[in-house]
Amino acid sequence: KCSLATLLNNYKLELSPKTQLPLQMLPAVLL
């Protein structure tokens, strides 16, 4: 919540074309 509040109080976010859609999750990781 601290991080999001700092970000949204001062900046705006837009999706970058670098994001690969649709999202596919990596194998070989626990998360």
PDB file of all heavy atoms in Angstrom:
ATOM      1  N   LYS A   1       0.821  -1.205   0.000  1.00  0.00           N
ATOM      2  CA  LYS A   1       0.000   0.000   0.000  1.00  0.00           C
ATOM      3  C   LYS A   1       0.864   1.268   0.000  1.00  0.00           C
ATOM      4  O   LYS A   1       0.532   2.257  -0.672  1.00  0.00           O
ATOM      5  CB  LYS A   1      -0.952  -0.007   1.194  1.00  0.00           C
ATOM      6  CG  LYS A   1      -2.013  -1.111   1.106  1.00  0.00           C
ATOM      7  CD  LYS A   1      -2.980  -1.093   2.274  1.00  0.00           C
ATOM      8  CE  LYS A   1      -4.000   0.034   2.146  1.00  0.00           C
ATOM      9  NZ  LYS A   1      -5.090  -0.097   3.154  1.00  0.00           N
ATOM     10  N   CYS A   2       1.963   1.246   0.741  1.00  0.00           N
ATOM     11  CA  CYS A   2       2.870   2.400   0.747  1.00  0.00           C
ATOM     12  C   CYS A   2       3.427   2.664  -0.652  1.00  0.00           C
ATOM     13  O   CYS A   2       3.470   3.816  -1.120  1.00  0.00           O
ATOM     14  CB  CYS A   2       4.023   2.140   1.721  1.00  0.00           C
ATOM     15  SG  CYS A   2       3.625   2.368   3.457  1.00  0.00           S
ATOM     16  N   SER A   3       3.862   1.605  -1.309  1.00  0.00           N
ATOM     17  CA  SER A   3       4.437   1.747  -2.645  1.00  0.00           C
ATOM     18  C   SER A   3       3.412   2.268  -3.643  1.00  0.00           C
ATOM     19  O   SER A   3       3.685   3.206  -4.418  1.00  0.00           O
ATOM     20  CB  SER A   3       4.979   0.393  -3.109  1.00  0.00           C
ATOM     21  OG  SER A   3       5.512   0.481  -4.408  1.00  0.00           O
ATOM     22  N   LEU A   4       2.205   1.701  -3.628  1.00  0.00           N
ATOM     23  CA  LEU A   4       1.155   2.133  -4.564  1.00  0.00           C
ATOM     24  C   LEU A   4       0.719   3.557  -4.305  1.00  0.00           C
ATOM     25  O   LEU A   4       0.482   4.338  -5.243  1.00  0.00           O
ATOM     26  CB  LEU A   4      -0.047   1.188  -4.463  1.00  0.00           C
ATOM     27  CG  LEU A   4       0.162  -0.229  -4.985  1.00  0.00           C
ATOM     28  CD1 LEU A   4      -1.065  -1.092  -4.700  1.00  0.00           C
ATOM     29  CD2 LEU A   4       0.469  -0.231  -6.481  1.00  0.00           C
ATOM     30  N   ALA A   5       0.603   3.927  -3.032  1.00  0.00           N
ATOM     31  CA  ALA A   5       0.194   5.296  -2.704  1.00  0.00           C
ATOM     32  C   ALA A   5       1.226   6.303  -3.206  1.00  0.00           C
ATOM     33  O   ALA A   5       0.870   7.353  -3.767  1.00  0.00           O
ATOM     34  CB  ALA A   5       0.004   5.429  -1.188  1.00  0.00           C
ATOM     35  N   THR A   6       2.504   6.005  -3.020  1.00  0.00           N
ATOM     36  CA  THR A   6       3.573   6.893  -3.504  1.00  0.00           C
ATOM     37  C   THR A   6       3.523   7.011  -5.023  1.00  0.00           C
ATOM     38  O   THR A   6       3.654   8.108  -5.580  1.00  0.00           O
ATOM     39  CB  THR A   6       4.941   6.348  -3.069  1.00  0.00           C
ATOM     40  OG1 THR A   6       4.982   6.240  -1.649  1.00  0.00           O
ATOM     41  CG2 THR A   6       6.068   7.252  -3.545  1.00  0.00           C
ATOM     42  N   LEU A   7       3.322   5.903  -5.687  1.00  0.00           N
ATOM     43  CA  LEU A   7       3.306   5.886  -7.149  1.00  0.00           C
ATOM     44  C   LEU A   7       2.113   6.669  -7.704  1.00  0.00           C
ATOM     45  O   LEU A   7       2.272   7.552  -8.563  1.00  0.00           O
ATOM     46  CB  LEU A   7       3.268   4.442  -7.636  1.00  0.00           C
ATOM     47  CG  LEU A   7       3.400   4.200  -9.133  1.00  0.00           C
ATOM     48  CD1 LEU A   7       4.764   4.655  -9.632  1.00  0.00           C
ATOM     49  CD2 LEU A   7       3.195   2.725  -9.463  1.00  0.00           C
ATOM     50  N   LEU A   8       0.921   6.380  -7.201  1.00  0.00           N
ATOM     51  CA  LEU A   8      -0.288   6.977  -7.773  1.00  0.00           C
ATOM     52  C   LEU A   8      -0.473   8.432  -7.376  1.00  0.00           C
ATOM     53  O   LEU A   8      -1.132   9.193  -8.087  1.00  0.00           O
ATOM     54  CB  LEU A   8      -1.514   6.164  -7.356  1.00  0.00           C
ATOM     55  CG  LEU A   8      -1.572   4.754  -7.949  1.00  0.00           C
ATOM     56  CD1 LEU A   8      -2.745   3.982  -7.382  1.00  0.00           C
ATOM     57  CD2 LEU A   8      -1.659   4.802  -9.461  1.00  0.00           C
ATOM     58  N   ASN A   9       0.094   8.827  -6.271  1.00  0.00           N
ATOM     59  CA  ASN A   9      -0.017  10.228  -5.849  1.00  0.00           C
ATOM     60  C   ASN A   9       0.780  11.161  -6.754  1.00  0.00           C
ATOM     61  O   ASN A   9       0.471  12.354  -6.836  1.00  0.00           O
ATOM     62  CB  ASN A   9       0.478  10.370  -4.404  1.00  0.00           C
ATOM     63  CG  ASN A   9       0.218  11.746  -3.827  1.00  0.00           C
ATOM     64  OD1 ASN A   9      -0.879  12.292  -3.962  1.00  0.00           O
ATOM     65  ND2 ASN A   9       1.218  12.314  -3.174  1.00  0.00           N
ATOM     66  N   ASN A  10       1.768  10.606  -7.453  1.00  0.00           N
ATOM     67  CA  ASN A  10       2.672  11.463  -8.216  1.00  0.00           C
ATOM     68  C   ASN A  10       2.806  11.105  -9.700  1.00  0.00           C
ATOM     69  O   ASN A  10       3.246  11.936 -10.491  1.00  0.00           O
ATOM     70  CB  ASN A  10       4.079  11.392  -7.591  1.00  0.00           C
ATOM     71  CG  ASN A  10       4.091  11.838  -6.144  1.00  0.00           C
ATOM     72  OD1 ASN A  10       4.073  13.023  -5.856  1.00  0.00           O
ATOM     73  ND2 ASN A  10       4.134  10.869  -5.219  1.00  0.00           N
ATOM     74  N   TYR A  11       2.404   9.882 -10.072  1.00  0.00           N
ATOM     75  CA  TYR A  11       2.681   9.410 -11.427  1.00  0.00           C
ATOM     76  C   TYR A  11       1.483   8.654 -11.994  1.00  0.00           C
ATOM     77  O   TYR A  11       0.578   8.247 -11.260  1.00  0.00           O
ATOM     78  CB  TYR A  11       3.907   8.483 -11.421  1.00  0.00           C
ATOM     79  CG  TYR A  11       5.070   9.019 -10.647  1.00  0.00           C
ATOM     80  CD1 TYR A  11       5.262   8.652  -9.311  1.00  0.00           C
ATOM     81  CD2 TYR A  11       5.971   9.905 -11.219  1.00  0.00           C
ATOM     82  CE1 TYR A  11       6.330   9.153  -8.577  1.00  0.00           C
ATOM     83  CE2 TYR A  11       7.037  10.414 -10.503  1.00  0.00           C
ATOM     84  CZ  TYR A  11       7.210  10.040  -9.169  1.00  0.00           C
ATOM     85  OH  TYR A  11       8.260  10.553  -8.444  1.00  0.00           O
ATOM     86  N   LYS A  12       1.506   8.463 -13.303  1.00  0.00           N
ATOM     87  CA  LYS A  12       0.498   7.623 -13.950  1.00  0.00           C
ATOM     88  C   LYS A  12       1.181   6.481 -14.687  1.00  0.00           C
ATOM     89  O   LYS A  12       2.350   6.594 -15.102  1.00  0.00           O
ATOM     90  CB  LYS A  12      -0.381   8.431 -14.897  1.00  0.00           C
ATOM     91  CG  LYS A  12       0.327   9.054 -16.078  1.00  0.00           C
ATOM     92  CD  LYS A  12      -0.685   9.833 -16.923  1.00  0.00           C
ATOM     93  CE  LYS A  12       0.014  10.514 -18.110  1.00  0.00           C
ATOM     94  NZ  LYS A  12      -0.938  11.294 -18.942  1.00  0.00           N
ATOM     95  N   LEU A  13       0.451   5.395 -14.844  1.00  0.00           N
ATOM     96  CA  LEU A  13       0.954   4.186 -15.468  1.00  0.00           C
ATOM     97  C   LEU A  13       0.237   3.922 -16.784  1.00  0.00           C
ATOM     98  O   LEU A  13      -0.989   4.050 -16.859  1.00  0.00           O
ATOM     99  CB  LEU A  13       0.720   2.985 -14.551  1.00  0.00           C
ATOM    100  CG  LEU A  13       1.608   2.808 -13.321  1.00  0.00           C
ATOM    101  CD1 LEU A  13       0.926   1.864 -12.348  1.00  0.00           C
ATOM    102  CD2 LEU A  13       2.957   2.244 -13.731  1.00  0.00           C
ATOM    103  N   GLU A  14       0.999   3.529 -17.801  1.00  0.00           N
ATOM    104  CA  GLU A  14       0.426   3.076 -19.072  1.00  0.00           C
ATOM    105  C   GLU A  14       1.127   1.776 -19.461  1.00  0.00           C
ATOM    106  O   GLU A  14       2.333   1.635 -19.251  1.00  0.00           O
ATOM    107  CB  GLU A  14       0.622   4.127 -20.169  1.00  0.00           C
ATOM    108  CG  GLU A  14      -0.099   5.437 -19.903  1.00  0.00           C
ATOM    109  CD  GLU A  14       0.281   6.505 -20.919  1.00  0.00           C
ATOM    110  OE1 GLU A  14       1.498   6.771 -21.074  1.00  0.00           O
ATOM    111  OE2 GLU A  14      -0.639   7.040 -21.555  1.00  0.00           O
ATOM    112  N   LEU A  15       0.377   0.865 -20.047  1.00  0.00           N
ATOM    113  CA  LEU A  15       0.959  -0.417 -20.434  1.00  0.00           C
ATOM    114  C   LEU A  15       1.923  -0.230 -21.597  1.00  0.00           C
ATOM    115  O   LEU A  15       1.629   0.458 -22.569  1.00  0.00           O
ATOM    116  CB  LEU A  15      -0.141  -1.400 -20.814  1.00  0.00           C
ATOM    117  CG  LEU A  15       0.289  -2.870 -20.941  1.00  0.00           C
ATOM    118  CD1 LEU A  15       0.714  -3.424 -19.588  1.00  0.00           C
ATOM    119  CD2 LEU A  15      -0.840  -3.709 -21.523  1.00  0.00           C
ATOM    120  N   SER A  16       3.082  -0.867 -21.495  1.00  0.00           N
ATOM    121  CA  SER A  16       4.068  -0.816 -22.572  1.00  0.00           C
ATOM    122  C   SER A  16       3.827  -1.954 -23.561  1.00  0.00           C
ATOM    123  O   SER A  16       3.445  -3.064 -23.157  1.00  0.00           O
ATOM    124  CB  SER A  16       5.479  -0.930 -21.994  1.00  0.00           C
ATOM    125  OG  SER A  16       6.416  -1.242 -23.008  1.00  0.00           O
ATOM    126  N   PRO A  17       4.073  -1.701 -24.850  1.00  0.00           N
ATOM    127  CA  PRO A  17       3.947  -2.775 -25.858  1.00  0.00           C
ATOM    128  C   PRO A  17       4.899  -3.935 -25.612  1.00  0.00           C
ATOM    129  O   PRO A  17       4.726  -5.010 -26.192  1.00  0.00           O
ATOM    130  CB  PRO A  17       4.287  -2.060 -27.177  1.00  0.00           C
ATOM    131  CG  PRO A  17       4.103  -0.613 -26.907  1.00  0.00           C
ATOM    132  CD  PRO A  17       4.406  -0.407 -25.463  1.00  0.00           C
ATOM    133  N   LYS A  18       5.891  -3.756 -24.748  1.00  0.00           N
ATOM    134  CA  LYS A  18       6.827  -4.838 -24.461  1.00  0.00           C
ATOM    135  C   LYS A  18       6.166  -5.983 -23.683  1.00  0.00           C
ATOM    136  O   LYS A  18       6.694  -7.097 -23.666  1.00  0.00           O
ATOM    137  CB  LYS A  18       8.024  -4.316 -23.656  1.00  0.00           C
ATOM    138  CG  LYS A  18       9.046  -3.542 -24.477  1.00  0.00           C
ATOM    139  CD  LYS A  18      10.260  -3.243 -23.629  1.00  0.00           C
ATOM    140  CE  LYS A  18      11.327  -2.505 -24.431  1.00  0.00           C
ATOM    141  NZ  LYS A  18      12.524  -2.222 -23.598  1.00  0.00           N
ATOM    142  N   THR A  19       5.043  -5.711 -23.034  1.00  0.00           N
ATOM    143  CA  THR A  19       4.353  -6.763 -22.289  1.00  0.00           C
ATOM    144  C   THR A  19       3.763  -7.764 -23.271  1.00  0.00           C
ATOM    145  O   THR A  19       3.022  -7.401 -24.185  1.00  0.00           O
ATOM    146  CB  THR A  19       3.234  -6.169 -21.409  1.00  0.00           C
ATOM    147  OG1 THR A  19       3.802  -5.231 -20.497  1.00  0.00           O
ATOM    148  CG2 THR A  19       2.522  -7.262 -20.633  1.00  0.00           C
ATOM    149  N   GLN A  20       4.095  -9.032 -23.090  1.00  0.00           N
ATOM    150  CA  GLN A  20       3.652 -10.082 -24.004  1.00  0.00           C
ATOM    151  C   GLN A  20       2.263 -10.574 -23.607  1.00  0.00           C
ATOM    152  O   GLN A  20       2.093 -11.176 -22.551  1.00  0.00           O
ATOM    153  CB  GLN A  20       4.653 -11.249 -23.978  1.00  0.00           C
ATOM    154  CG  GLN A  20       6.046 -10.864 -24.449  1.00  0.00           C
ATOM    155  CD  GLN A  20       7.049 -12.003 -24.302  1.00  0.00           C
ATOM    156  OE1 GLN A  20       6.673 -13.155 -24.148  1.00  0.00           O
ATOM    157  NE2 GLN A  20       8.324 -11.668 -24.361  1.00  0.00           N
ATOM    158  N   LEU A  21       1.297 -10.278 -24.477  1.00  0.00           N
ATOM    159  CA  LEU A  21      -0.092 -10.663 -24.214  1.00  0.00           C
ATOM    160  C   LEU A  21      -0.529 -11.751 -25.188  1.00  0.00           C
ATOM    161  O   LEU A  21      -0.139 -11.728 -26.354  1.00  0.00           O
ATOM    162  CB  LEU A  21      -1.006  -9.439 -24.348  1.00  0.00           C
ATOM    163  CG  LEU A  21      -0.715  -8.283 -23.392  1.00  0.00           C
ATOM    164  CD1 LEU A  21      -1.588  -7.080 -23.720  1.00  0.00           C
ATOM    165  CD2 LEU A  21      -0.931  -8.710 -21.951  1.00  0.00           C
ATOM    166  N   PRO A  22      -1.351 -12.713 -24.754  1.00  0.00           N
ATOM    167  CA  PRO A  22      -1.801 -12.911 -23.371  1.00  0.00           C
ATOM    168  C   PRO A  22      -0.669 -13.388 -22.480  1.00  0.00           C
ATOM    169  O   PRO A  22       0.301 -13.984 -22.960  1.00  0.00           O
ATOM    170  CB  PRO A  22      -2.883 -13.991 -23.524  1.00  0.00           C
ATOM    171  CG  PRO A  22      -2.474 -14.761 -24.738  1.00  0.00           C
ATOM    172  CD  PRO A  22      -1.868 -13.754 -25.672  1.00  0.00           C
ATOM    173  N   LEU A  23      -0.796 -13.123 -21.193  1.00  0.00           N
ATOM    174  CA  LEU A  23       0.261 -13.475 -20.257  1.00  0.00           C
ATOM    175  C   LEU A  23       0.443 -14.993 -20.180  1.00  0.00           C
ATOM    176  O   LEU A  23      -0.530 -15.744 -20.110  1.00  0.00           O
ATOM    177  CB  LEU A  23      -0.067 -12.942 -18.855  1.00  0.00           C
ATOM    178  CG  LEU A  23      -0.246 -11.421 -18.713  1.00  0.00           C
ATOM    179  CD1 LEU A  23      -0.532 -11.078 -17.256  1.00  0.00           C
ATOM    180  CD2 LEU A  23       0.970 -10.658 -19.223  1.00  0.00           C
ATOM    181  N   GLN A  24       1.695 -15.430 -20.210  1.00  0.00           N
ATOM    182  CA  GLN A  24       2.049 -16.838 -20.024  1.00  0.00           C
ATOM    183  C   GLN A  24       3.065 -16.911 -18.896  1.00  0.00           C
ATOM    184  O   GLN A  24       4.041 -16.157 -18.891  1.00  0.00           O
ATOM    185  CB  GLN A  24       2.643 -17.427 -21.310  1.00  0.00           C
ATOM    186  CG  GLN A  24       1.711 -17.416 -22.503  1.00  0.00           C
ATOM    187  CD  GLN A  24       0.550 -18.386 -22.343  1.00  0.00           C
ATOM    188  OE1 GLN A  24       0.673 -19.422 -21.692  1.00  0.00           O
ATOM    189  NE2 GLN A  24      -0.598 -18.059 -22.931  1.00  0.00           N
ATOM    190  N   MET A  25       2.849 -17.821 -17.935  1.00  0.00           N
ATOM    191  CA  MET A  25       3.737 -17.891 -16.777  1.00  0.00           C
ATOM    192  C   MET A  25       4.940 -18.791 -17.038  1.00  0.00           C
ATOM    193  O   MET A  25       4.845 -19.810 -17.731  1.00  0.00           O
ATOM    194  CB  MET A  25       2.970 -18.370 -15.552  1.00  0.00           C
ATOM    195  CG  MET A  25       1.775 -17.488 -15.229  1.00  0.00           C
ATOM    196  SD  MET A  25       2.235 -15.735 -15.069  1.00  0.00           S
ATOM    197  CE  MET A  25       0.682 -14.932 -15.522  1.00  0.00           C
ATOM    198  N   LEU A  26       6.067 -18.401 -16.476  1.00  0.00           N
ATOM    199  CA  LEU A  26       7.308 -19.146 -16.662  1.00  0.00           C
ATOM    200  C   LEU A  26       7.260 -20.484 -15.934  1.00  0.00           C
ATOM    201  O   LEU A  26       6.721 -20.582 -14.827  1.00  0.00           O
ATOM    202  CB  LEU A  26       8.494 -18.342 -16.114  1.00  0.00           C
ATOM    203  CG  LEU A  26       8.934 -17.116 -16.905  1.00  0.00           C
ATOM    204  CD1 LEU A  26      10.008 -16.374 -16.121  1.00  0.00           C
ATOM    205  CD2 LEU A  26       9.467 -17.503 -18.275  1.00  0.00           C
ATOM    206  N   PRO A  27       7.845 -21.528 -16.541  1.00  0.00           N
ATOM    207  CA  PRO A  27       8.029 -22.789 -15.822  1.00  0.00           C
ATOM    208  C   PRO A  27       9.269 -22.710 -14.941  1.00  0.00           C
ATOM    209  O   PRO A  27       9.985 -21.699 -14.940  1.00  0.00           O
ATOM    210  CB  PRO A  27       8.209 -23.799 -16.954  1.00  0.00           C
ATOM    211  CG  PRO A  27       8.865 -23.003 -18.033  1.00  0.00           C
ATOM    212  CD  PRO A  27       8.294 -21.599 -17.934  1.00  0.00           C
ATOM    213  N   ALA A  28       9.522 -23.764 -14.195  1.00  0.00           N
ATOM    214  CA  ALA A  28      10.758 -23.925 -13.404  1.00  0.00           C
ATOM    215  C   ALA A  28      10.931 -22.882 -12.315  1.00  0.00           C
ATOM    216  O   ALA A  28      12.045 -22.632 -11.868  1.00  0.00           O
ATOM    217  CB  ALA A  28      11.990 -23.926 -14.323  1.00  0.00           C
ATOM    218  N   VAL A  29       9.850 -22.237 -11.893  1.00  0.00           N
ATOM    219  CA  VAL A  29       9.909 -21.328 -10.753  1.00  0.00           C
ATOM    220  C   VAL A  29       8.750 -21.653  -9.821  1.00  0.00           C
ATOM    221  O   VAL A  29       7.712 -22.154 -10.244  1.00  0.00           O
ATOM    222  CB  VAL A  29       9.838 -19.841 -11.181  1.00  0.00           C
ATOM    223  CG1 VAL A  29      11.112 -19.410 -11.844  1.00  0.00           C
ATOM    224  CG2 VAL A  29       8.656 -19.579 -12.093  1.00  0.00           C
ATOM    225  N   LEU A  30       8.931 -21.347  -8.545  1.00  0.00           N
ATOM    226  CA  LEU A  30       7.899 -21.654  -7.560  1.00  0.00           C
ATOM    227  C   LEU A  30       6.801 -20.599  -7.534  1.00  0.00           C
ATOM    228  O   LEU A  30       5.693 -20.869  -7.074  1.00  0.00           O
ATOM    229  CB  LEU A  30       8.528 -21.750  -6.171  1.00  0.00           C
ATOM    230  CG  LEU A  30       9.557 -22.869  -5.971  1.00  0.00           C
ATOM    231  CD1 LEU A  30      10.177 -22.769  -4.592  1.00  0.00           C
ATOM    232  CD2 LEU A  30       8.921 -24.227  -6.182  1.00  0.00           C
ATOM    233  N   LEU A  31       7.102 -19.404  -8.027  1.00  0.00           N
ATOM    234  CA  LEU A  31       6.170 -18.289  -7.933  1.00  0.00           C
ATOM    235  C   LEU A  31       5.568 -17.961  -9.303  1.00  0.00           C
ATOM    236  O   LEU A  31       5.964 -18.517 -10.329  1.00  0.00           O
ATOM    237  CB  LEU A  31       6.888 -17.068  -7.354  1.00  0.00           C
ATOM    238  CG  LEU A  31       7.553 -17.311  -5.991  1.00  0.00           C
ATOM    239  CD1 LEU A  31       8.343 -16.094  -5.548  1.00  0.00           C
ATOM    240  CD2 LEU A  31       6.523 -17.691  -4.939  1.00  0.00           C
TER     241      LEU A  31
END
